[in-house]
Amino acid sequence: MGINQPKIIITVLSTLTFFFSSLVATASNDNYHTAEAIKHAETAQIHGKAGHVKTLLEYAQQSLIHAKAAENELAGSHQRITDSIKHLEEAIAHARQEDSEAATRHTSQALEYMRHPIVE
């Protein structure tokens, strides 16, 4: 019986592909949550500038969820995420009081912190 080389090569390549894709997925989870937090905060900011407080509130809450997930995955080692969370919480508090201007200001501050690159 001879060894079926194409099957072995395919098996090895499949295993390596799975291994490397798992590494990339693990390494980029915090980037995913940071990107989602930024996306939702940008949308909140747009609605805040338009005076849509309820919509700002919804998007700020979604941004906060992702920012907290990014912070957890980074083990709290990045102050920029923690600072952005504080501003998102302030934005939500002001949006609940229907203060669009203050909520938008805090959302903008949160975005500034989130957009800073991660320095390891």
C-alpha atoms as a PDB file:
ATOM      1  CA  MET A   1       0.000   0.000   0.000  1.00  0.00           C
ATOM      2  CA  GLY A   2       1.378   3.364  -0.986  1.00  0.00           C
ATOM      3  CA  ILE A   3       0.906   6.592   0.921  1.00  0.00           C
ATOM      4  CA  ASN A   4      -1.662   8.881  -0.635  1.00  0.00           C
ATOM      5  CA  GLN A   5       0.394  12.089  -0.744  1.00  0.00           C
ATOM      6  CA  PRO A   6      -2.371  14.441  -1.914  1.00  0.00           C
ATOM      7  CA  LYS A   7      -4.544  13.469   1.080  1.00  0.00           C
ATOM      8  CA  ILE A   8      -1.645  13.971   3.494  1.00  0.00           C
ATOM      9  CA  ILE A   9      -0.811  17.360   1.993  1.00  0.00           C
ATOM     10  CA  ILE A  10      -4.449  18.469   2.167  1.00  0.00           C
ATOM     11  CA  THR A  11      -4.722  17.278   5.767  1.00  0.00           C
ATOM     12  CA  VAL A  12      -1.541  19.122   6.775  1.00  0.00           C
ATOM     13  CA  LEU A  13      -2.607  22.301   4.976  1.00  0.00           C
ATOM     14  CA  SER A  14      -6.082  22.166   6.546  1.00  0.00           C
ATOM     15  CA  THR A  15      -4.590  21.709   9.993  1.00  0.00           C
ATOM     16  CA  LEU A  16      -2.167  24.611   9.506  1.00  0.00           C
ATOM     17  CA  THR A  17      -4.926  26.833   8.134  1.00  0.00           C
ATOM     18  CA  PHE A  18      -7.133  26.089  11.143  1.00  0.00           C
ATOM     19  CA  PHE A  19      -4.238  26.683  13.552  1.00  0.00           C
ATOM     20  CA  PHE A  20      -3.257  30.041  12.053  1.00  0.00           C
ATOM     21  CA  SER A  21      -6.832  31.255  11.684  1.00  0.00           C
ATOM     22  CA  SER A  22      -7.394  30.466  15.375  1.00  0.00           C
ATOM     23  CA  LEU A  23      -4.338  32.524  16.304  1.00  0.00           C
ATOM     24  CA  VAL A  24      -5.491  35.454  14.177  1.00  0.00           C
ATOM     25  CA  ALA A  25      -9.035  35.313  15.587  1.00  0.00           C
ATOM     26  CA  THR A  26      -7.741  35.335  19.160  1.00  0.00           C
ATOM     27  CA  ALA A  27      -5.309  38.172  18.505  1.00  0.00           C
ATOM     28  CA  SER A  28      -7.895  40.325  16.735  1.00  0.00           C
ATOM     29  CA  ASN A  29     -10.869  39.930  19.112  1.00  0.00           C
ATOM     30  CA  ASP A  30      -9.921  43.104  20.977  1.00  0.00           C
ATOM     31  CA  ASN A  31      -9.568  44.857  17.618  1.00  0.00           C
ATOM     32  CA  TYR A  32     -13.044  43.639  16.656  1.00  0.00           C
ATOM     33  CA  HIS A  33     -14.612  44.983  19.834  1.00  0.00           C
ATOM     34  CA  THR A  34     -12.682  48.244  19.596  1.00  0.00           C
ATOM     35  CA  ALA A  35     -13.776  48.658  15.971  1.00  0.00           C
ATOM     36  CA  GLU A  36     -17.390  47.938  16.888  1.00  0.00           C
ATOM     37  CA  ALA A  37     -17.208  50.378  19.813  1.00  0.00           C
ATOM     38  CA  ILE A  38     -15.859  53.064  17.487  1.00  0.00           C
ATOM     39  CA  LYS A  39     -18.492  52.345  14.831  1.00  0.00           C
ATOM     40  CA  HIS A  40     -21.362  52.647  17.327  1.00  0.00           C
ATOM     41  CA  ALA A  41     -19.865  55.727  18.996  1.00  0.00           C
ATOM     42  CA  GLU A  42     -19.474  57.442  15.619  1.00  0.00           C
ATOM     43  CA  THR A  43     -23.133  56.764  14.858  1.00  0.00           C
ATOM     44  CA  ALA A  44     -24.098  58.034  18.320  1.00  0.00           C
ATOM     45  CA  GLN A  45     -22.086  61.190  17.703  1.00  0.00           C
ATOM     46  CA  ILE A  46     -23.809  61.823  14.369  1.00  0.00           C
ATOM     47  CA  HIS A  47     -27.240  61.469  15.971  1.00  0.00           C
ATOM     48  CA  GLY A  48     -26.187  63.605  18.926  1.00  0.00           C
ATOM     49  CA  LYS A  49     -25.145  66.439  16.627  1.00  0.00           C
ATOM     50  CA  ALA A  50     -28.546  66.149  14.956  1.00  0.00           C
ATOM     51  CA  GLY A  51     -30.265  66.332  18.356  1.00  0.00           C
ATOM     52  CA  HIS A  52     -31.530  62.737  18.273  1.00  0.00           C
ATOM     53  CA  VAL A  53     -30.959  61.968  21.946  1.00  0.00           C
ATOM     54  CA  LYS A  54     -32.787  58.632  22.052  1.00  0.00           C
ATOM     55  CA  THR A  55     -30.851  57.276  19.088  1.00  0.00           C
ATOM     56  CA  LEU A  56     -27.599  58.596  20.556  1.00  0.00           C
ATOM     57  CA  LEU A  57     -28.432  56.720  23.748  1.00  0.00           C
ATOM     58  CA  GLU A  58     -29.002  53.439  21.887  1.00  0.00           C
ATOM     59  CA  TYR A  59     -25.740  53.628  19.973  1.00  0.00           C
ATOM     60  CA  ALA A  60     -23.741  54.817  22.985  1.00  0.00           C
ATOM     61  CA  GLN A  61     -25.011  51.788  24.923  1.00  0.00           C
ATOM     62  CA  GLN A  62     -23.925  49.447  22.114  1.00  0.00           C
ATOM     63  CA  SER A  63     -20.552  51.162  21.998  1.00  0.00           C
ATOM     64  CA  LEU A  64     -20.177  50.719  25.751  1.00  0.00           C
ATOM     65  CA  ILE A  65     -20.864  46.982  25.487  1.00  0.00           C
ATOM     66  CA  HIS A  66     -18.078  46.568  22.934  1.00  0.00           C
ATOM     67  CA  ALA A  67     -15.676  48.876  24.773  1.00  0.00           C
ATOM     68  CA  LYS A  68     -16.108  46.807  27.937  1.00  0.00           C
ATOM     69  CA  ALA A  69     -15.528  43.605  25.965  1.00  0.00           C
ATOM     70  CA  ALA A  70     -12.327  45.076  24.514  1.00  0.00           C
ATOM     71  CA  GLU A  71     -11.210  46.151  27.985  1.00  0.00           C
ATOM     72  CA  ASN A  72     -11.838  42.648  29.360  1.00  0.00           C
ATOM     73  CA  GLU A  73      -9.895  41.024  26.547  1.00  0.00           C
ATOM     74  CA  LEU A  74      -7.031  43.443  27.021  1.00  0.00           C
ATOM     75  CA  ALA A  75      -7.078  42.613  30.743  1.00  0.00           C
ATOM     76  CA  GLY A  76      -7.530  46.278  31.594  1.00  0.00           C
ATOM     77  CA  SER A  77      -3.984  47.007  30.478  1.00  0.00           C
ATOM     78  CA  HIS A  78      -4.924  49.838  28.162  1.00  0.00           C
ATOM     79  CA  GLN A  79      -5.956  53.026  29.895  1.00  0.00           C
ATOM     80  CA  ARG A  80      -7.374  54.450  26.661  1.00  0.00           C
ATOM     81  CA  ILE A  81     -10.194  51.894  26.680  1.00  0.00           C
ATOM     82  CA  THR A  82     -10.931  52.533  30.354  1.00  0.00           C
ATOM     83  CA  ASP A  83     -11.035  56.283  29.699  1.00  0.00           C
ATOM     84  CA  SER A  84     -13.360  55.804  26.735  1.00  0.00           C
ATOM     85  CA  ILE A  85     -15.694  53.713  28.912  1.00  0.00           C
ATOM     86  CA  LYS A  86     -15.907  56.541  31.461  1.00  0.00           C
ATOM     87  CA  HIS A  87     -16.899  58.981  28.723  1.00  0.00           C
ATOM     88  CA  LEU A  88     -19.438  56.578  27.224  1.00  0.00           C
ATOM     89  CA  GLU A  89     -21.029  56.165  30.657  1.00  0.00           C
ATOM     90  CA  GLU A  90     -21.198  59.956  30.975  1.00  0.00           C
ATOM     91  CA  ALA A  91     -22.679  60.225  27.483  1.00  0.00           C
ATOM     92  CA  ILE A  92     -25.361  57.697  28.407  1.00  0.00           C
ATOM     93  CA  ALA A  93     -26.150  59.522  31.653  1.00  0.00           C
ATOM     94  CA  HIS A  94     -26.522  62.850  29.817  1.00  0.00           C
ATOM     95  CA  ALA A  95     -28.580  61.258  27.040  1.00  0.00           C
ATOM     96  CA  ARG A  96     -30.967  59.861  29.642  1.00  0.00           C
ATOM     97  CA  GLN A  97     -31.368  63.427  30.897  1.00  0.00           C
ATOM     98  CA  GLU A  98     -31.995  64.468  27.280  1.00  0.00           C
ATOM     99  CA  ASP A  99     -28.876  66.673  27.250  1.00  0.00           C
ATOM    100  CA  SER A 100     -27.794  66.086  23.667  1.00  0.00           C
ATOM    101  CA  GLU A 101     -24.924  68.584  23.769  1.00  0.00           C
ATOM    102  CA  ALA A 102     -23.173  67.061  26.800  1.00  0.00           C
ATOM    103  CA  ALA A 103     -23.853  63.513  25.590  1.00  0.00           C
ATOM    104  CA  THR A 104     -22.338  64.321  22.201  1.00  0.00           C
ATOM    105  CA  ARG A 105     -19.311  65.950  23.851  1.00  0.00           C
ATOM    106  CA  HIS A 106     -18.639  62.835  25.949  1.00  0.00           C
ATOM    107  CA  THR A 107     -19.154  60.576  22.943  1.00  0.00           C
ATOM    108  CA  SER A 108     -16.559  62.624  21.068  1.00  0.00           C
ATOM    109  CA  GLN A 109     -14.135  62.276  23.982  1.00  0.00           C
ATOM    110  CA  ALA A 110     -14.719  58.514  24.063  1.00  0.00           C
ATOM    111  CA  LEU A 111     -13.958  58.326  20.347  1.00  0.00           C
ATOM    112  CA  GLU A 112     -10.698  60.213  20.824  1.00  0.00           C
ATOM    113  CA  TYR A 113      -9.537  57.654  23.384  1.00  0.00           C
ATOM    114  CA  MET A 114     -10.736  54.663  21.353  1.00  0.00           C
ATOM    115  CA  ARG A 115      -8.938  55.822  18.222  1.00  0.00           C
ATOM    116  CA  HIS A 116      -5.534  55.972  19.911  1.00  0.00           C
ATOM    117  CA  PRO A 117      -3.419  53.024  18.800  1.00  0.00           C
ATOM    118  CA  ILE A 118      -2.707  50.224  21.263  1.00  0.00           C
ATOM    119  CA  VAL A 119       0.908  50.406  22.370  1.00  0.00           C
ATOM    120  CA  GLU A 120       2.129  47.181  23.939  1.00  0.00           C
END
